[in-house]
């Protein structure tokens, strides 16, 4: 999925383009590996935001990576469990 998403910081918010790649790989009859990969790209709005706040692209990239890692660590198990419940019981867990 490709989206333009809000990015929230202590200095305010901006927008980044985010490519989400969700994969479910069959391991065996009882096991599936779920992965969630995120690739964020700076928008012109974001580049202006970091320039205005005297933030380098490298600093912004490190912060964005840390935020994405934390988000993935928290949410991926919830997504995986919801997909498992859909497969087993025909119903997703909502809300995540």
Protein backbone atom coordinates (compact mmCIF):
# COMPACT_ATOMS: atom_id res chain seq x y z
CA UNK A 1 0.00 0.00 0.00
CA UNK A 2 1.27 3.46 -0.84
CA UNK A 3 0.09 6.38 1.27
CA UNK A 4 0.95 9.89 2.32
CA UNK A 5 1.00 9.76 6.11
CA UNK A 6 1.35 12.21 8.96
CA UNK A 7 4.62 12.26 10.81
CA UNK A 8 4.43 13.73 14.30
CA UNK A 9 7.42 15.27 16.06
CA UNK A 10 8.10 17.45 19.08
CA UNK A 11 8.45 20.37 16.63
CA UNK A 12 5.15 19.75 14.84
CA UNK A 13 3.87 17.55 12.07
CA UNK A 14 4.45 17.04 8.38
CA UNK A 15 3.79 14.42 5.70
CA UNK A 16 5.88 11.56 4.35
CA UNK A 17 5.16 9.06 1.60
CA UNK A 18 5.03 5.54 2.99
CA UNK A 19 5.18 2.25 1.09
CA UNK A 20 3.88 -0.62 3.26
CA UNK A 21 4.71 -4.15 2.18
CA UNK A 22 2.84 -6.85 4.08
CA UNK A 23 3.75 -10.48 3.42
CA UNK A 24 2.41 -13.80 4.61
CA UNK A 25 4.67 -16.73 3.72
CA UNK A 26 3.59 -20.34 4.24
CA UNK A 27 6.11 -22.28 6.29
CA UNK A 28 4.08 -25.50 6.68
CA UNK A 29 0.45 -26.58 7.18
CA UNK A 30 0.32 -24.89 10.60
CA UNK A 31 2.77 -22.00 10.36
CA UNK A 32 2.92 -18.77 8.40
CA UNK A 33 5.60 -16.07 8.62
CA UNK A 34 4.17 -12.55 8.60
CA UNK A 35 6.38 -9.59 7.79
CA UNK A 36 5.70 -5.88 7.62
CA UNK A 37 8.20 -3.72 5.75
CA UNK A 38 7.96 0.08 5.63
CA UNK A 39 9.80 2.39 3.24
CA UNK A 40 9.31 6.11 3.91
CA UNK A 41 10.20 8.84 1.42
CA UNK A 42 10.43 12.54 2.18
CA UNK A 43 7.76 14.70 0.55
CA UNK A 44 8.49 18.31 -0.50
CA UNK A 45 6.43 19.35 2.54
CA UNK A 46 8.66 17.25 4.81
CA UNK A 47 11.87 18.61 3.29
CA UNK A 48 10.63 22.13 3.93
CA UNK A 49 9.64 21.19 7.49
CA UNK A 50 13.09 19.85 8.39
CA UNK A 51 14.78 22.84 6.73
CA UNK A 52 12.61 25.25 8.72
CA UNK A 53 13.47 23.44 11.96
CA UNK A 54 17.20 23.13 11.17
CA UNK A 55 17.10 19.32 11.05
CA UNK A 56 19.36 17.45 8.64
CA UNK A 57 17.93 14.76 6.39
CA UNK A 58 20.22 12.25 8.15
CA UNK A 59 18.84 13.24 11.58
CA UNK A 60 15.28 13.01 10.27
CA UNK A 61 15.96 9.61 8.69
CA UNK A 62 17.37 8.23 11.96
CA UNK A 63 14.37 9.52 13.92
CA UNK A 64 11.93 8.17 11.35
CA UNK A 65 13.65 4.77 11.40
CA UNK A 66 13.44 4.59 15.20
CA UNK A 67 9.74 5.55 15.13
CA UNK A 68 8.97 3.01 12.39
CA UNK A 69 10.85 0.27 14.25
CA UNK A 70 8.93 0.99 17.45
CA UNK A 71 5.62 1.07 15.58
CA UNK A 72 6.36 -2.21 13.78
CA UNK A 73 7.46 -3.87 17.02
CA UNK A 74 4.19 -2.86 18.68
CA UNK A 75 1.71 -3.40 15.85
CA UNK A 76 3.03 -6.36 13.82
CA UNK A 77 2.03 -9.00 16.41
CA UNK A 78 -1.50 -7.48 16.51
CA UNK A 79 -1.81 -7.60 12.72
CA UNK A 80 -0.51 -11.17 12.64
CA UNK A 81 -2.97 -12.29 15.33
CA UNK A 82 -5.85 -10.63 13.50
CA UNK A 83 -4.92 -12.36 10.23
CA UNK A 84 -4.65 -15.67 12.09
CA UNK A 85 -8.13 -15.18 13.59
CA UNK A 86 -9.54 -14.36 10.15
CA UNK A 87 -8.05 -17.58 8.77
CA UNK A 88 -9.20 -19.73 11.69
CA UNK A 89 -12.53 -18.14 12.66
CA UNK A 90 -13.53 -15.93 9.73
CA UNK A 91 -13.27 -12.69 11.71
CA UNK A 92 -10.55 -10.03 12.05
CA UNK A 93 -9.72 -8.52 15.45
CA UNK A 94 -11.01 -4.95 15.46
CA UNK A 95 -9.81 -2.52 16.53
CA UNK A 96 -6.15 -3.47 16.27
